[in-house]
Structure formats: structure tokens, C-alpha cells
C-alpha atoms as a PDB file:
ATOM      1  CA  MET A   1      88.546 106.091 -45.003  1.00  0.00           C
ATOM      2  CA  PRO A   2      91.220 103.401 -45.321  1.00  0.00           C
ATOM      3  CA  LEU A   3      90.601  99.988 -43.789  1.00  0.00           C
ATOM      4  CA  PRO A   4      92.763  98.956 -40.838  1.00  0.00           C
ATOM      5  CA  PRO A   5      95.578  96.498 -41.612  1.00  0.00           C
ATOM      6  CA  GLY A   6      94.416  92.892 -41.529  1.00  0.00           C
ATOM      7  CA  PHE A   7      90.737  93.823 -41.788  1.00  0.00           C
ATOM      8  CA  ASP A   8      88.891  91.400 -44.032  1.00  0.00           C
ATOM      9  CA  PRO A   9      85.536  92.892 -45.035  1.00  0.00           C
ATOM     10  CA  PRO A  10      82.628  90.482 -45.337  1.00  0.00           C
ATOM     11  CA  GLY A  11      81.683  89.323 -48.808  1.00  0.00           C
ATOM     12  CA  PRO A  12      78.450  90.323 -50.464  1.00  0.00           C
ATOM     13  CA  ALA A  13      75.406  89.084 -48.612  1.00  0.00           C
ATOM     14  CA  ASP A  14      73.547  86.168 -50.137  1.00  0.00           C
ATOM     15  CA  VAL A  15      70.098  87.552 -49.397  1.00  0.00           C
ATOM     16  CA  ALA A  16      68.282  84.984 -51.515  1.00  0.00           C
ATOM     17  CA  GLY A  17      70.161  82.104 -49.896  1.00  0.00           C
ATOM     18  CA  GLU A  18      69.485  83.444 -46.423  1.00  0.00           C
ATOM     19  CA  ALA A  19      65.784  83.845 -47.225  1.00  0.00           C
ATOM     20  CA  ILE A  20      65.550  80.286 -48.530  1.00  0.00           C
ATOM     21  CA  THR A  21      67.349  78.937 -45.455  1.00  0.00           C
ATOM     22  CA  HIS A  22      65.009  80.911 -43.184  1.00  0.00           C
ATOM     23  CA  CYS A  23      61.944  79.534 -44.996  1.00  0.00           C
ATOM     24  CA  MET A  24      63.241  75.958 -44.783  1.00  0.00           C
ATOM     25  CA  ILE A  25      63.898  76.300 -41.054  1.00  0.00           C
ATOM     26  CA  GLU A  26      60.466  77.794 -40.490  1.00  0.00           C
ATOM     27  CA  ALA A  27      58.797  75.047 -42.536  1.00  0.00           C
ATOM     28  CA  SER A  28      60.705  72.367 -40.613  1.00  0.00           C
ATOM     29  CA  LEU A  29      59.622  73.905 -37.302  1.00  0.00           C
ATOM     30  CA  HIS A  30      55.986  73.881 -38.405  1.00  0.00           C
ATOM     31  CA  ARG A  31      56.214  70.162 -39.209  1.00  0.00           C
ATOM     32  CA  LEU A  32      57.034  69.378 -35.576  1.00  0.00           C
ATOM     33  CA  PRO A  33      54.230  68.389 -33.217  1.00  0.00           C
ATOM     34  CA  GLU A  34      53.016  71.491 -31.371  1.00  0.00           C
ATOM     35  CA  GLU A  35      54.485  70.511 -27.988  1.00  0.00           C
ATOM     36  CA  GLN A  36      57.927  69.905 -29.492  1.00  0.00           C
ATOM     37  CA  ARG A  37      57.783  73.092 -31.579  1.00  0.00           C
ATOM     38  CA  ILE A  38      56.882  75.215 -28.555  1.00  0.00           C
ATOM     39  CA  ALA A  39      59.625  73.663 -26.401  1.00  0.00           C
ATOM     40  CA  VAL A  40      62.304  74.062 -29.102  1.00  0.00           C
ATOM     41  CA  ILE A  41      61.320  77.662 -29.846  1.00  0.00           C
ATOM     42  CA  LEU A  42      61.232  78.666 -26.190  1.00  0.00           C
ATOM     43  CA  MET A  43      64.599  77.075 -25.406  1.00  0.00           C
ATOM     44  CA  ASP A  44      66.601  77.512 -28.600  1.00  0.00           C
ATOM     45  CA  LEU A  45      65.204  80.739 -30.022  1.00  0.00           C
ATOM     46  CA  CYS A  46      64.008  82.568 -26.925  1.00  0.00           C
ATOM     47  CA  GLY A  47      66.737  81.360 -24.572  1.00  0.00           C
ATOM     48  CA  PHE A  48      64.565  80.106 -21.728  1.00  0.00           C
ATOM     49  CA  THR A  49      65.944  77.437 -19.410  1.00  0.00           C
ATOM     50  CA  THR A  50      64.371  74.020 -19.072  1.00  0.00           C
ATOM     51  CA  ALA A  51      62.837  75.018 -15.736  1.00  0.00           C
ATOM     52  CA  GLU A  52      61.379  78.187 -17.256  1.00  0.00           C
ATOM     53  CA  VAL A  53      59.899  76.288 -20.209  1.00  0.00           C
ATOM     54  CA  ALA A  54      58.428  73.765 -17.773  1.00  0.00           C
ATOM     55  CA  ALA A  55      56.733  76.595 -15.866  1.00  0.00           C
ATOM     56  CA  ILE A  56      55.520  78.313 -19.048  1.00  0.00           C
ATOM     57  CA  THR A  57      54.070  75.138 -20.547  1.00  0.00           C
ATOM     58  CA  ASP A  58      52.924  73.629 -17.242  1.00  0.00           C
ATOM     59  CA  ALA A  59      54.828  70.426 -18.020  1.00  0.00           C
ATOM     60  CA  PRO A  60      57.340  68.492 -15.934  1.00  0.00           C
ATOM     61  CA  ARG A  61      60.994  69.334 -16.570  1.00  0.00           C
ATOM     62  CA  GLY A  62      61.683  65.812 -17.865  1.00  0.00           C
ATOM     63  CA  THR A  63      58.857  66.133 -20.369  1.00  0.00           C
ATOM     64  CA  VAL A  64      60.313  69.417 -21.630  1.00  0.00           C
ATOM     65  CA  LEU A  65      63.731  67.788 -22.021  1.00  0.00           C
ATOM     66  CA  ALA A  66      62.190  64.919 -24.001  1.00  0.00           C
ATOM     67  CA  ARG A  67      60.212  67.281 -26.238  1.00  0.00           C
ATOM     68  CA  VAL A  68      63.271  69.402 -26.993  1.00  0.00           C
ATOM     69  CA  HIS A  69      65.405  66.324 -27.663  1.00  0.00           C
ATOM     70  CA  ARG A  70      62.847  64.825 -30.055  1.00  0.00           C
ATOM     71  CA  GLY A  71      62.216  68.155 -31.753  1.00  0.00           C
ATOM     72  CA  ARG A  72      65.917  68.831 -32.295  1.00  0.00           C
ATOM     73  CA  LYS A  73      66.385  65.324 -33.651  1.00  0.00           C
ATOM     74  CA  LYS A  74      63.578  65.813 -36.190  1.00  0.00           C
ATOM     75  CA  LEU A  75      64.990  69.210 -37.197  1.00  0.00           C
ATOM     76  CA  ALA A  76      68.429  67.658 -37.703  1.00  0.00           C
ATOM     77  CA  GLN A  77      66.923  64.913 -39.863  1.00  0.00           C
ATOM     78  CA  ALA A  78      65.090  67.535 -41.930  1.00  0.00           C
ATOM     79  CA  ALA A  79      68.330  69.466 -42.414  1.00  0.00           C
ATOM     80  CA  VAL A  80      70.112  66.336 -43.664  1.00  0.00           C
ATOM     81  CA  GLU A  81      67.259  65.626 -46.067  1.00  0.00           C
ATOM     82  CA  VAL A  82      67.347  69.171 -47.424  1.00  0.00           C
ATOM     83  CA  LYS A  83      71.127  69.065 -47.831  1.00  0.00           C
ATOM     84  CA  SER A  84      71.049  65.685 -49.581  1.00  0.00           C
ATOM     85  CA  GLY A  85      68.059  66.603 -51.743  1.00  0.00           C
ATOM     86  CA  ALA A  86      66.005  63.699 -50.393  1.00  0.00           C
ATOM     87  CA  PRO A  87      62.244  64.204 -50.524  1.00  0.00           C
ATOM     88  CA  ARG A  88      60.597  65.120 -47.232  1.00  0.00           C
ATOM     89  CA  SER A  89      57.430  63.488 -46.054  1.00  0.00           C
END
């Protein structure tokens, strides 16, 4: 079957690279304090709202916001360290 005009098929999948990235993300998540990890996972991976996470974790909404903020900040720092090759503690 011919490809439609202008169709740009995706390149070959980098399965090894994707697996390594997945492992690094998972490892970074596990380094977070439990409360931050739970809040980040529920909001960013599961798609719950702040109010829903507050109800699930029995924590005030402001506390959930703080946990997610701190967790995301630590994950961003870990990503920069991985990209730059800096050792992680």
C-alpha cells in the first residue's frame, strides 16, 4: 500500500534508550520522600486534581500543592544531573 503524500513515517524505535529513560525516571521517583512521590504520581501520572489527591491522601490541599511542587523540583534537578552526567547523591 503506498503512503499518502506528505506522510513522514516514524523512525526506528530506540527501545534501549526508552527503557533506560524509564528506569531513570522510576529511580528518581523512588528517591523522593514518600509523601512527595505519592502526590506527584497521583497528579502527574494518574491525572487526579489537587482536591482529589487531598481527599485520597487525607491532607490539606495546600500541603498537596507543596508536596507536588517540591517533588517536581527534585525530579527536575535529577533530570539535569543525569543529562549533565553529574553524580547523584
